[in-house]
Protein backbone atom coordinates (compact mmCIF):
# COMPACT_ATOMS: atom_id res chain seq x y z
CA MET A 1 -44.02 29.00 -56.88
CA SER A 2 -42.34 31.36 -54.40
CA ASP A 3 -41.09 30.22 -50.99
CA ALA A 4 -43.88 32.11 -49.27
CA ALA A 5 -46.55 30.66 -51.53
CA ALA A 6 -45.21 27.14 -51.05
CA ALA A 7 -45.19 27.57 -47.29
CA GLY A 8 -48.75 28.80 -47.31
CA ALA A 9 -50.00 26.05 -49.60
CA ASN A 10 -48.29 23.06 -48.05
CA GLY A 11 -47.13 24.16 -44.62
CA PRO A 12 -43.52 24.05 -43.48
CA LYS A 13 -41.40 20.96 -44.03
CA TRP A 14 -40.19 19.09 -40.95
CA VAL A 15 -37.07 16.98 -41.20
CA GLN A 16 -35.31 14.95 -38.50
CA GLN A 17 -31.57 14.51 -38.86
CA SER A 18 -28.93 12.99 -36.59
CA LEU A 19 -25.79 14.56 -37.96
CA PHE A 20 -23.68 13.46 -35.04
CA ASP A 21 -24.13 9.82 -36.04
CA THR A 22 -21.60 10.56 -38.78
CA PRO A 23 -18.42 8.54 -38.05
CA SER A 24 -15.77 10.76 -36.50
CA ALA A 25 -13.31 9.78 -39.22
CA VAL A 26 -15.34 11.55 -41.90
CA ARG A 27 -16.55 14.56 -39.89
CA PRO A 28 -14.96 17.87 -40.92
CA LYS A 29 -12.52 18.82 -38.20
CA ARG A 30 -12.53 22.22 -36.54
CA PRO A 31 -9.09 23.83 -36.63
CA LYS A 32 -7.24 23.80 -33.34
CA THR A 33 -7.08 27.14 -31.57
CA ASP A 34 -4.73 28.66 -29.03
CA GLU A 35 -7.59 30.62 -27.50
CA PRO A 36 -7.67 29.89 -23.75
CA HIS A 37 -11.45 30.32 -23.64
CA PRO A 38 -13.21 29.11 -26.81
CA HIS A 39 -16.83 30.01 -27.36
CA PRO A 40 -19.08 27.84 -25.13
CA ALA A 41 -21.71 27.25 -27.84
CA LEU A 42 -19.77 26.45 -31.00
CA PHE A 43 -21.75 25.64 -34.15
CA SER A 44 -21.24 22.14 -35.54
CA ILE A 45 -19.41 22.23 -38.85
CA PRO A 46 -21.35 19.26 -40.39
CA LEU A 47 -24.48 21.41 -40.22
CA LEU A 48 -23.11 23.93 -42.71
CA SER A 49 -24.22 21.75 -45.63
CA VAL A 50 -27.80 22.00 -44.31
CA VAL A 51 -27.45 25.78 -43.89
CA GLU A 52 -26.15 26.05 -47.46
CA ARG A 53 -29.21 24.23 -48.76
CA LEU A 54 -31.61 26.35 -46.70
CA LEU A 55 -29.96 29.53 -48.04
CA ALA A 56 -29.95 28.36 -51.66
CA GLY A 57 -30.46 31.21 -54.12
CA ARG A 58 -29.30 33.86 -51.67
CA LYS A 59 -25.94 35.62 -51.83
CA ARG A 60 -25.28 38.28 -49.16
CA ILE A 61 -25.63 36.74 -45.69
CA LEU A 62 -25.72 38.51 -42.32
CA ASP A 63 -25.14 37.08 -38.86
CA PRO A 64 -26.17 39.71 -36.26
CA PHE A 65 -25.16 37.44 -33.31
CA ALA A 66 -21.83 36.33 -34.74
CA GLY A 67 -20.05 34.77 -31.76
CA GLU A 68 -16.88 33.26 -33.27
CA GLY A 69 -17.81 34.13 -36.87
CA THR A 70 -18.96 30.70 -38.08
CA VAL A 71 -21.02 32.46 -40.78
CA HIS A 72 -17.76 33.22 -42.62
CA ARG A 73 -17.29 29.50 -43.29
CA LEU A 74 -20.07 29.92 -45.85
CA ARG A 75 -17.69 31.95 -48.03
CA ALA A 76 -16.11 28.74 -49.25
CA ARG A 77 -19.59 27.80 -50.50
CA GLY A 78 -20.00 30.96 -52.59
CA PHE A 79 -21.69 33.33 -50.16
CA ILE A 80 -20.73 36.88 -49.21
CA THR A 81 -20.87 37.10 -45.42
CA VAL A 82 -21.03 39.90 -42.86
CA ALA A 83 -20.74 39.27 -39.12
CA VAL A 84 -21.85 41.59 -36.30
CA GLU A 85 -20.69 40.74 -32.77
CA ILE A 86 -21.39 42.94 -29.77
CA GLN A 87 -18.31 41.89 -27.79
CA TRP A 88 -15.10 43.56 -28.91
CA LYS A 89 -12.96 40.48 -28.33
CA GLY A 90 -15.48 38.34 -30.13
CA ALA A 91 -15.53 40.66 -33.14
CA GLN A 92 -11.74 40.46 -33.34
CA ARG A 93 -11.89 36.66 -33.30
CA CYS A 94 -14.46 36.64 -36.10
CA GLY A 95 -11.90 37.94 -38.58
CA PRO A 96 -12.27 39.99 -41.80
CA GLY A 97 -15.80 40.95 -42.75
CA SER A 98 -16.77 41.38 -39.11
CA ILE A 99 -17.61 44.43 -37.05
CA GLN A 100 -18.34 45.13 -33.43
CA GLY A 101 -21.96 46.22 -33.31
CA ASN A 102 -25.34 45.86 -31.71
CA ALA A 103 -27.99 43.66 -33.32
CA MET A 104 -30.57 46.16 -32.08
CA GLN A 105 -28.91 48.99 -34.04
CA LEU A 106 -27.52 47.43 -37.19
CA PRO A 107 -25.35 49.84 -39.24
CA PHE A 108 -26.86 48.84 -42.59
CA ALA A 109 -29.39 50.35 -44.98
CA ASP A 110 -32.86 48.88 -45.38
CA ALA A 111 -33.05 45.75 -47.57
CA SER A 112 -29.28 45.14 -47.54
CA PHE A 113 -29.27 41.33 -47.23
CA ASP A 114 -31.05 38.48 -48.95
CA GLY A 115 -30.03 35.96 -46.30
CA ILE A 116 -29.55 35.78 -42.53
CA PHE A 117 -27.95 32.91 -40.67
CA THR A 118 -27.74 33.30 -36.91
CA SER A 119 -28.02 31.72 -33.49
CA PRO A 120 -29.20 33.93 -30.62
CA THR A 121 -28.45 32.90 -27.07
CA PHE A 122 -30.73 30.22 -25.64
CA ALA A 123 -31.68 32.14 -22.45
CA ASN A 124 -29.70 29.69 -20.35
CA ARG A 125 -27.62 31.75 -17.89
CA MET A 126 -24.46 31.23 -19.92
CA ALA A 127 -23.37 34.79 -19.14
CA ASP A 128 -22.82 33.93 -15.48
CA GLN A 129 -19.45 33.45 -13.85
CA ILE A 130 -19.69 29.89 -12.54
CA ALA A 131 -16.66 28.17 -11.05
CA ASP A 132 -17.10 24.73 -12.61
CA ARG A 133 -18.58 25.71 -15.99
CA HIS A 134 -17.30 27.30 -19.18
CA THR A 135 -19.55 30.27 -19.96
CA TYR A 136 -19.72 33.43 -22.06
CA TYR A 137 -18.11 35.21 -19.09
CA ASP A 138 -15.00 33.05 -19.54
CA TRP A 139 -15.04 33.41 -23.34
CA ASN A 140 -15.16 37.19 -23.01
CA GLU A 141 -12.68 37.14 -20.11
CA GLY A 142 -15.04 39.26 -18.06
CA PRO A 143 -18.62 40.63 -17.90
CA LEU A 144 -20.61 40.99 -21.11
CA ASN A 145 -21.64 44.24 -22.78
CA PRO A 146 -24.71 45.67 -20.97
CA MET A 147 -26.76 45.28 -24.18
CA ASN A 148 -25.70 41.70 -24.85
CA ILE A 149 -28.86 39.56 -24.85
CA GLY A 150 -26.80 36.70 -23.49
CA ARG A 151 -26.77 38.42 -20.09
CA TRP A 152 -30.40 37.50 -19.46
CA ASP A 153 -32.14 34.19 -18.84
CA TRP A 154 -35.60 33.08 -19.92
CA HIS A 155 -37.36 34.47 -16.86
CA ASP A 156 -36.05 37.99 -17.32
CA ASP A 157 -38.28 40.17 -19.52
CA ARG A 158 -35.19 41.88 -20.90
CA TYR A 159 -34.32 38.73 -22.84
CA ARG A 160 -37.55 38.92 -24.82
CA LEU A 161 -37.58 42.71 -25.14
CA LEU A 162 -34.05 42.93 -26.52
CA SER A 163 -34.69 39.95 -28.80
CA LEU A 164 -37.72 41.69 -30.29
CA LEU A 165 -35.66 44.83 -30.92
CA ALA A 166 -33.04 42.72 -32.68
CA TRP A 167 -35.61 40.92 -34.85
CA ALA A 168 -37.09 44.28 -35.83
CA GLU A 169 -33.65 45.35 -37.08
CA VAL A 170 -33.04 42.06 -38.87
CA THR A 171 -36.39 42.45 -40.63
CA ARG A 172 -35.52 46.02 -41.63
CA VAL A 173 -32.24 45.07 -43.31
CA ALA A 174 -33.70 41.96 -45.00
CA LYS A 175 -34.86 42.18 -48.60
CA THR A 176 -38.30 41.01 -49.63
CA GLY A 177 -37.93 37.30 -50.30
CA ALA A 178 -34.94 36.97 -47.98
CA ARG A 179 -34.28 33.73 -46.14
CA LEU A 180 -33.55 33.63 -42.42
CA VAL A 181 -31.99 30.46 -40.99
CA LEU A 182 -32.26 30.32 -37.22
CA ASP A 183 -30.22 27.88 -35.15
CA MET A 184 -32.04 27.49 -31.83
CA LYS A 185 -32.37 25.21 -28.83
CA ASP A 186 -34.59 25.27 -25.75
CA SER A 187 -33.11 25.55 -22.27
CA VAL A 188 -34.07 24.24 -18.84
CA TRP A 189 -34.96 26.13 -15.68
CA ASN A 190 -36.13 24.65 -12.38
CA ASN A 191 -36.72 21.22 -13.96
CA ALA A 192 -38.90 22.65 -16.74
CA VAL A 193 -38.05 23.15 -20.42
CA ASN A 194 -38.23 26.79 -21.50
CA PRO A 195 -40.00 27.15 -24.89
CA VAL A 196 -37.29 29.43 -26.28
CA THR A 197 -37.46 28.07 -29.84
CA ASP A 198 -41.23 28.38 -30.08
CA TRP A 199 -41.16 31.91 -28.69
CA HIS A 200 -38.65 33.13 -31.30
CA CYS A 201 -40.61 31.43 -34.09
CA ARG A 202 -43.89 32.97 -32.99
CA ALA A 203 -42.31 36.41 -32.66
CA LEU A 204 -40.83 36.29 -36.15
CA VAL A 205 -44.06 35.04 -37.73
CA GLU A 206 -46.68 36.98 -35.78
CA GLN A 207 -44.89 40.27 -35.15
CA PHE A 208 -42.53 40.62 -38.11
CA GLY A 209 -44.27 38.81 -40.96
CA TRP A 210 -41.82 35.98 -41.63
CA GLN A 211 -43.08 32.56 -42.70
CA ILE A 212 -41.57 29.20 -41.74
CA VAL A 213 -40.72 27.09 -44.79
CA GLU A 214 -38.67 24.29 -43.23
CA ARG A 215 -37.43 23.02 -39.89
CA VAL A 216 -34.56 20.57 -39.46
CA ASN A 217 -34.28 19.04 -36.00
CA TYR A 218 -30.85 17.66 -35.22
CA GLN A 219 -29.27 15.78 -32.37
CA ALA A 220 -27.44 18.35 -30.30
CA ARG A 221 -24.46 17.58 -28.15
CA GLY A 222 -25.72 20.14 -25.68
CA LEU A 223 -24.10 21.48 -22.58
CA ARG A 224 -21.84 19.26 -20.52
CA HIS A 225 -23.27 20.52 -17.23
CA GLY A 226 -26.71 21.02 -15.73
CA ALA A 227 -30.19 20.01 -16.80
CA ASN A 228 -29.82 20.99 -20.45
CA ARG A 229 -27.46 18.09 -21.10
CA ASP A 230 -30.09 15.36 -20.90
CA ARG A 231 -33.44 17.14 -21.09
CA VAL A 232 -33.01 19.12 -24.32
CA PRO A 233 -31.33 16.62 -26.65
CA ASN A 234 -32.37 18.29 -29.92
CA ALA A 235 -31.81 21.65 -31.51
CA SER A 236 -33.33 23.04 -34.71
CA LEU A 237 -32.38 24.86 -37.88
CA ILE A 238 -35.50 26.76 -38.90
CA ALA A 239 -35.79 28.47 -42.29
CA PHE A 240 -38.07 31.50 -42.70
CA VAL A 241 -38.89 33.58 -45.76
CA ARG A 242 -39.86 37.24 -45.74
């Protein structure tokens, strides 16, 4: 039975994991870096084993919101990876197999990838320059590209508009049967949780024809400042099939 047929017959699978309960002594360690401003939303290395399972059977993997190029860590697990990062400094940090580019104008032919693994921004004002917080502004050492979705928070229509344009491009370059693994977390604004994860899921399913096949909720370390730290304790890895 195909992924799509299984999803339709049985509904998506929901799994709860607490990967950060793993003793620190056995957690894979992230290499030390001399970068003065590391990325403020680094992906947790223990989660890569989950991503590998969710992408099983796929080979050529795209990350259109590459950040620091975590997708390239999948190469050691047998995948061919391509990273697209809109910030020039970020693209340089991503290393070989990475390009500076815009997720809304991907420089690839239709049906180029059978897998996508990515984490868009969480609409949480992390592009701001804030004196006591480490943000994307610090990581980039200045303002973000005008087309960087990370510039906008949940209450700005541009966040949703640009996200839809990006998902349209991701769908275009995805092969039929491709898997998309989305790493996503809600954010908080004015004491209320923004339904960022649900919005992206609904957009992908209802507007672009993807189907959810599995969702893995995991305990997220979250931000160290502001309301997100305590009020959004979990993030999700959500697997879709086209």
